[in-house]
C-alpha atoms as a PDB file:
ATOM      1  CA  MET A   1       0.000   0.000   0.000  1.00  0.00           C
ATOM      2  CA  THR A   2       2.805   2.371   0.891  1.00  0.00           C
ATOM      3  CA  SER A   3       4.800   1.778  -2.263  1.00  0.00           C
ATOM      4  CA  GLY A   4       1.698   2.119  -4.419  1.00  0.00           C
ATOM      5  CA  ARG A   5       0.671   5.384  -2.824  1.00  0.00           C
ATOM      6  CA  SER A   6       4.167   6.866  -2.839  1.00  0.00           C
ATOM      7  CA  GLY A   7       4.906   5.616  -6.325  1.00  0.00           C
ATOM      8  CA  SER A   8       1.738   7.075  -7.781  1.00  0.00           C
ATOM      9  CA  ALA A   9       2.344  10.421  -6.062  1.00  0.00           C
ATOM     10  CA  ILE A  10       5.899  10.633  -7.384  1.00  0.00           C
ATOM     11  CA  THR A  11       4.763   9.597 -10.863  1.00  0.00           C
ATOM     12  CA  ALA A  12       2.047  12.255 -10.831  1.00  0.00           C
ATOM     13  CA  GLU A  13       4.594  14.870  -9.810  1.00  0.00           C
ATOM     14  CA  LEU A  14       6.975  13.842 -12.598  1.00  0.00           C
ATOM     15  CA  GLY A  15       4.106  13.928 -15.107  1.00  0.00           C
ATOM     16  CA  SER A  16       3.150  17.410 -13.961  1.00  0.00           C
ATOM     17  CA  MET A  17       6.757  18.560 -14.271  1.00  0.00           C
ATOM     18  CA  LYS A  18       6.950  17.150 -17.796  1.00  0.00           C
ATOM     19  CA  LEU A  19       3.656  18.829 -18.738  1.00  0.00           C
ATOM     20  CA  HIS A  20       4.805  22.202 -17.459  1.00  0.00           C
ATOM     21  CA  GLU A  21       8.205  21.770 -19.156  1.00  0.00           C
ATOM     22  CA  GLU A  22      10.097  22.020 -15.865  1.00  0.00           C
ATOM     23  CA  ILE A  23      12.324  19.084 -16.820  1.00  0.00           C
ATOM     24  CA  ASP A  24      13.311  20.821 -20.057  1.00  0.00           C
ATOM     25  CA  ALA A  25      14.026  24.013 -18.076  1.00  0.00           C
ATOM     26  CA  LEU A  26      16.429  22.101 -15.827  1.00  0.00           C
ATOM     27  CA  THR A  27      18.233  20.793 -18.903  1.00  0.00           C
ATOM     28  CA  VAL A  28      18.495  24.287 -20.398  1.00  0.00           C
ATOM     29  CA  MET A  29      19.958  25.587 -17.125  1.00  0.00           C
ATOM     30  CA  GLY A  30      22.656  22.942 -17.379  1.00  0.00           C
ATOM     31  CA  LEU A  31      21.423  20.788 -14.519  1.00  0.00           C
ATOM     32  CA  ARG A  32      20.904  17.043 -14.702  1.00  0.00           C
ATOM     33  CA  PRO A  33      17.161  16.435 -14.242  1.00  0.00           C
ATOM     34  CA  SER A  34      17.617  12.924 -12.838  1.00  0.00           C
ATOM     35  CA  ARG A  35      19.833  14.201 -10.039  1.00  0.00           C
ATOM     36  CA  ASN A  36      17.697  17.196  -9.081  1.00  0.00           C
ATOM     37  CA  ILE A  37      14.333  15.476  -9.326  1.00  0.00           C
ATOM     38  CA  ASP A  38      15.443  12.473  -7.261  1.00  0.00           C
ATOM     39  CA  CYS A  39      16.582  14.765  -4.465  1.00  0.00           C
ATOM     40  CA  SER A  40      13.039  16.029  -3.972  1.00  0.00           C
ATOM     41  CA  ALA A  41      11.077  12.799  -4.476  1.00  0.00           C
ATOM     42  CA  TYR A  42      12.988  10.187  -2.498  1.00  0.00           C
ATOM     43  CA  PRO A  43      13.187  11.911   0.911  1.00  0.00           C
ATOM     44  CA  ARG A  44       9.409  12.247   0.969  1.00  0.00           C
ATOM     45  CA  ALA A  45       9.025   8.561   0.178  1.00  0.00           C
ATOM     46  CA  TYR A  46      11.420   7.663   3.013  1.00  0.00           C
ATOM     47  CA  ILE A  47       9.541   9.866   5.475  1.00  0.00           C
ATOM     48  CA  GLN A  48       6.193   8.409   4.421  1.00  0.00           C
ATOM     49  CA  CYS A  49       7.447   4.840   4.719  1.00  0.00           C
ATOM     50  CA  SER A  50       8.978   5.512   8.128  1.00  0.00           C
ATOM     51  CA  ALA A  51       5.836   7.180   9.456  1.00  0.00           C
ATOM     52  CA  LEU A  52       3.536   4.474   8.127  1.00  0.00           C
ATOM     53  CA  THR A  53       5.804   1.739   9.511  1.00  0.00           C
ATOM     54  CA  PHE A  54       5.730   3.373  12.943  1.00  0.00           C
ATOM     55  CA  ILE A  55       1.938   3.688  12.864  1.00  0.00           C
ATOM     56  CA  ALA A  56       1.535   0.065  11.746  1.00  0.00           C
ATOM     57  CA  ASP A  57       3.903  -1.171  14.481  1.00  0.00           C
ATOM     58  CA  MET A  58       2.101   0.773  17.202  1.00  0.00           C
ATOM     59  CA  SER A  59      -1.272  -0.462  15.927  1.00  0.00           C
ATOM     60  CA  GLY A  60      -0.032  -4.053  16.002  1.00  0.00           C
ATOM     61  CA  ILE A  61       1.330  -3.734  19.518  1.00  0.00           C
ATOM     62  CA  PHE A  62      -1.848  -2.058  20.763  1.00  0.00           C
ATOM     63  CA  GLY A  63      -4.055  -4.653  19.039  1.00  0.00           C
ATOM     64  CA  GLY A  64      -2.008  -7.503  20.506  1.00  0.00           C
ATOM     65  CA  MET A  65      -2.233  -5.945  23.936  1.00  0.00           C
ATOM     66  CA  MET A  66      -6.005  -5.578  23.696  1.00  0.00           C
ATOM     67  CA  MET A  67      -6.540  -9.129  22.437  1.00  0.00           C
ATOM     68  CA  SER A  68      -4.297 -10.635  25.109  1.00  0.00           C
ATOM     69  CA  TRP A  69      -6.219  -8.663  27.719  1.00  0.00           C
ATOM     70  CA  VAL A  70      -9.621  -9.748  26.399  1.00  0.00           C
ATOM     71  CA  TYR A  71      -8.904 -13.393  25.569  1.00  0.00           C
ATOM     72  CA  ALA A  72      -6.015 -14.417  27.835  1.00  0.00           C
ATOM     73  CA  GLY A  73      -6.610 -12.133  30.793  1.00  0.00           C
ATOM     74  CA  ILE A  74      -3.122 -10.590  30.593  1.00  0.00           C
ATOM     75  CA  ASN A  75      -3.366  -7.010  31.789  1.00  0.00           C
ATOM     76  CA  PRO A  76      -1.753  -4.217  29.730  1.00  0.00           C
ATOM     77  CA  ARG A  77       0.936  -3.665  32.348  1.00  0.00           C
ATOM     78  CA  GLY A  78       1.989  -7.316  32.156  1.00  0.00           C
ATOM     79  CA  PHE A  79       1.907  -7.280  28.378  1.00  0.00           C
END
Protein backbone atom coordinates (compact mmCIF):
# COMPACT_ATOMS: atom_id res chain seq x y z
CA MET A 1 0.00 0.00 0.00
CA THR A 2 2.81 2.37 0.89
CA SER A 3 4.80 1.78 -2.26
CA GLY A 4 1.70 2.12 -4.42
CA ARG A 5 0.67 5.38 -2.82
CA SER A 6 4.17 6.87 -2.84
CA GLY A 7 4.91 5.62 -6.33
CA SER A 8 1.74 7.08 -7.78
CA ALA A 9 2.34 10.42 -6.06
CA ILE A 10 5.90 10.63 -7.38
CA THR A 11 4.76 9.60 -10.86
CA ALA A 12 2.05 12.25 -10.83
CA GLU A 13 4.59 14.87 -9.81
CA LEU A 14 6.98 13.84 -12.60
CA GLY A 15 4.11 13.93 -15.11
CA SER A 16 3.15 17.41 -13.96
CA MET A 17 6.76 18.56 -14.27
CA LYS A 18 6.95 17.15 -17.80
CA LEU A 19 3.66 18.83 -18.74
CA HIS A 20 4.80 22.20 -17.46
CA GLU A 21 8.21 21.77 -19.16
CA GLU A 22 10.10 22.02 -15.87
CA ILE A 23 12.32 19.08 -16.82
CA ASP A 24 13.31 20.82 -20.06
CA ALA A 25 14.03 24.01 -18.08
CA LEU A 26 16.43 22.10 -15.83
CA THR A 27 18.23 20.79 -18.90
CA VAL A 28 18.50 24.29 -20.40
CA MET A 29 19.96 25.59 -17.12
CA GLY A 30 22.66 22.94 -17.38
CA LEU A 31 21.42 20.79 -14.52
CA ARG A 32 20.90 17.04 -14.70
CA PRO A 33 17.16 16.43 -14.24
CA SER A 34 17.62 12.92 -12.84
CA ARG A 35 19.83 14.20 -10.04
CA ASN A 36 17.70 17.20 -9.08
CA ILE A 37 14.33 15.48 -9.33
CA ASP A 38 15.44 12.47 -7.26
CA CYS A 39 16.58 14.76 -4.47
CA SER A 40 13.04 16.03 -3.97
CA ALA A 41 11.08 12.80 -4.48
CA TYR A 42 12.99 10.19 -2.50
CA PRO A 43 13.19 11.91 0.91
CA ARG A 44 9.41 12.25 0.97
CA ALA A 45 9.02 8.56 0.18
CA TYR A 46 11.42 7.66 3.01
CA ILE A 47 9.54 9.87 5.47
CA GLN A 48 6.19 8.41 4.42
CA CYS A 49 7.45 4.84 4.72
CA SER A 50 8.98 5.51 8.13
CA ALA A 51 5.84 7.18 9.46
CA LEU A 52 3.54 4.47 8.13
CA THR A 53 5.80 1.74 9.51
CA PHE A 54 5.73 3.37 12.94
CA ILE A 55 1.94 3.69 12.86
CA ALA A 56 1.53 0.07 11.75
CA ASP A 57 3.90 -1.17 14.48
CA MET A 58 2.10 0.77 17.20
CA SER A 59 -1.27 -0.46 15.93
CA GLY A 60 -0.03 -4.05 16.00
CA ILE A 61 1.33 -3.73 19.52
CA PHE A 62 -1.85 -2.06 20.76
CA GLY A 63 -4.05 -4.65 19.04
CA GLY A 64 -2.01 -7.50 20.51
CA MET A 65 -2.23 -5.94 23.94
CA MET A 66 -6.00 -5.58 23.70
CA MET A 67 -6.54 -9.13 22.44
CA SER A 68 -4.30 -10.64 25.11
CA TRP A 69 -6.22 -8.66 27.72
CA VAL A 70 -9.62 -9.75 26.40
CA TYR A 71 -8.90 -13.39 25.57
CA ALA A 72 -6.02 -14.42 27.83
CA GLY A 73 -6.61 -12.13 30.79
CA ILE A 74 -3.12 -10.59 30.59
CA ASN A 75 -3.37 -7.01 31.79
CA PRO A 76 -1.75 -4.22 29.73
CA ARG A 77 0.94 -3.67 32.35
CA GLY A 78 1.99 -7.32 32.16
CA PHE A 79 1.91 -7.28 28.38
